[in-house]
C-alpha atoms as a PDB file:
ATOM      1  CA  MET A   1     100.528   5.760 -18.958  1.00  0.00           C
ATOM      2  CA  ASP A   2     101.323   7.629 -15.778  1.00  0.00           C
ATOM      3  CA  SER A   3     100.044   6.156 -12.530  1.00  0.00           C
ATOM      4  CA  GLN A   4      98.134   9.295 -11.537  1.00  0.00           C
ATOM      5  CA  LYS A   5      95.993   9.119 -14.666  1.00  0.00           C
ATOM      6  CA  MET A   6      95.440   5.377 -14.142  1.00  0.00           C
ATOM      7  CA  SER A   7      94.272   5.806 -10.565  1.00  0.00           C
ATOM      8  CA  TYR A   8      92.021   8.703 -11.614  1.00  0.00           C
ATOM      9  CA  ASN A   9      90.411   6.487 -14.266  1.00  0.00           C
ATOM     10  CA  ALA A  10      90.024   3.662 -11.765  1.00  0.00           C
ATOM     11  CA  GLY A  11      88.335   6.070  -9.364  1.00  0.00           C
ATOM     12  CA  GLN A  12      85.984   7.255 -12.098  1.00  0.00           C
ATOM     13  CA  ALA A  13      85.058   3.684 -13.009  1.00  0.00           C
ATOM     14  CA  LYS A  14      84.481   2.790  -9.362  1.00  0.00           C
ATOM     15  CA  GLY A  15      82.265   5.847  -8.855  1.00  0.00           C
ATOM     16  CA  GLN A  16      80.182   4.983 -11.915  1.00  0.00           C
ATOM     17  CA  ALA A  17      79.832   1.374 -10.806  1.00  0.00           C
ATOM     18  CA  GLN A  18      78.690   2.436  -7.337  1.00  0.00           C
ATOM     19  CA  GLU A  19      76.175   4.862  -8.833  1.00  0.00           C
ATOM     20  CA  LYS A  20      74.817   2.163 -11.148  1.00  0.00           C
ATOM     21  CA  ALA A  21      74.563  -0.283  -8.257  1.00  0.00           C
ATOM     22  CA  SER A  22      72.718   2.229  -6.120  1.00  0.00           C
ATOM     23  CA  ASN A  23      70.296   3.029  -8.964  1.00  0.00           C
ATOM     24  CA  MET A  24      69.662  -0.692  -9.385  1.00  0.00           C
ATOM     25  CA  MET A  25      69.010  -1.034  -5.669  1.00  0.00           C
ATOM     26  CA  ASP A  26      66.523   1.841  -5.837  1.00  0.00           C
ATOM     27  CA  LYS A  27      64.745   0.200  -8.755  1.00  0.00           C
ATOM     28  CA  ALA A  28      64.705  -3.134  -6.933  1.00  0.00           C
ATOM     29  CA  GLY A  29      63.303  -1.395  -3.866  1.00  0.00           C
ATOM     30  CA  ASP A  30      60.567   0.232  -5.941  1.00  0.00           C
ATOM     31  CA  ALA A  31      59.730  -3.105  -7.555  1.00  0.00           C
ATOM     32  CA  ALA A  32      59.578  -4.793  -4.167  1.00  0.00           C
ATOM     33  CA  GLN A  33      57.338  -2.055  -2.809  1.00  0.00           C
ATOM     34  CA  SER A  34      54.895  -2.281  -5.715  1.00  0.00           C
ATOM     35  CA  ALA A  35      54.909  -6.089  -5.516  1.00  0.00           C
ATOM     36  CA  LYS A  36      54.088  -5.819  -1.824  1.00  0.00           C
ATOM     37  CA  GLU A  37      51.264  -3.390  -2.562  1.00  0.00           C
ATOM     38  CA  SER A  38      49.754  -5.561  -5.282  1.00  0.00           C
ATOM     39  CA  ALA A  39      50.019  -8.606  -3.011  1.00  0.00           C
ATOM     40  CA  GLN A  40      48.136  -6.725  -0.296  1.00  0.00           C
ATOM     41  CA  GLU A  41      45.542  -5.651  -2.851  1.00  0.00           C
ATOM     42  CA  ALA A  42      45.154  -9.242  -4.061  1.00  0.00           C
ATOM     43  CA  GLY A  43      44.759 -10.328  -0.455  1.00  0.00           C
ATOM     44  CA  GLN A  44      41.996  -7.796   0.084  1.00  0.00           C
ATOM     45  CA  GLN A  45      40.215  -8.962  -3.069  1.00  0.00           C
ATOM     46  CA  MET A  46      40.538 -12.613  -2.025  1.00  0.00           C
ATOM     47  CA  LYS A  47      39.063 -11.765   1.381  1.00  0.00           C
ATOM     48  CA  ALA A  48      36.162  -9.949  -0.233  1.00  0.00           C
ATOM     49  CA  LYS A  49      35.552 -12.841  -2.645  1.00  0.00           C
ATOM     50  CA  ALA A  50      35.691 -15.385   0.173  1.00  0.00           C
ATOM     51  CA  GLN A  51      33.250 -13.320   2.209  1.00  0.00           C
ATOM     52  CA  GLY A  52      30.950 -13.049  -0.798  1.00  0.00           C
ATOM     53  CA  ALA A  53      31.146 -16.797  -1.384  1.00  0.00           C
ATOM     54  CA  ALA A  54      30.383 -17.501   2.270  1.00  0.00           C
ATOM     55  CA  ASP A  55      27.374 -15.184   2.113  1.00  0.00           C
ATOM     56  CA  ALA A  56      26.195 -16.869  -1.094  1.00  0.00           C
ATOM     57  CA  VAL A  57      26.393 -20.286   0.582  1.00  0.00           C
ATOM     58  CA  LYS A  58      24.507 -18.982   3.608  1.00  0.00           C
ATOM     59  CA  ASN A  59      21.818 -17.540   1.342  1.00  0.00           C
ATOM     60  CA  ALA A  60      21.568 -20.744  -0.696  1.00  0.00           C
ATOM     61  CA  THR A  61      21.273 -22.928   2.385  1.00  0.00           C
ATOM     62  CA  GLY A  62      18.888 -20.528   4.120  1.00  0.00           C
ATOM     63  CA  MET A  63      21.281 -19.912   7.000  1.00  0.00           C
ATOM     64  CA  ASN A  64      20.957 -16.132   6.741  1.00  0.00           C
END
């Protein structure tokens, strides 16, 4: 094999690997973003539930 063809092939492989890696990073970023959003949503729900529970206790004990 001539060295020009070998270095061309190596360049192609490197380019494809970099593209794959960058696509994976994008996917990981998207996953992280949606995980963050669902964590925030869960936090909001927990807050609302805690508030509801506190109100229920106040009502039950006649503190309201």
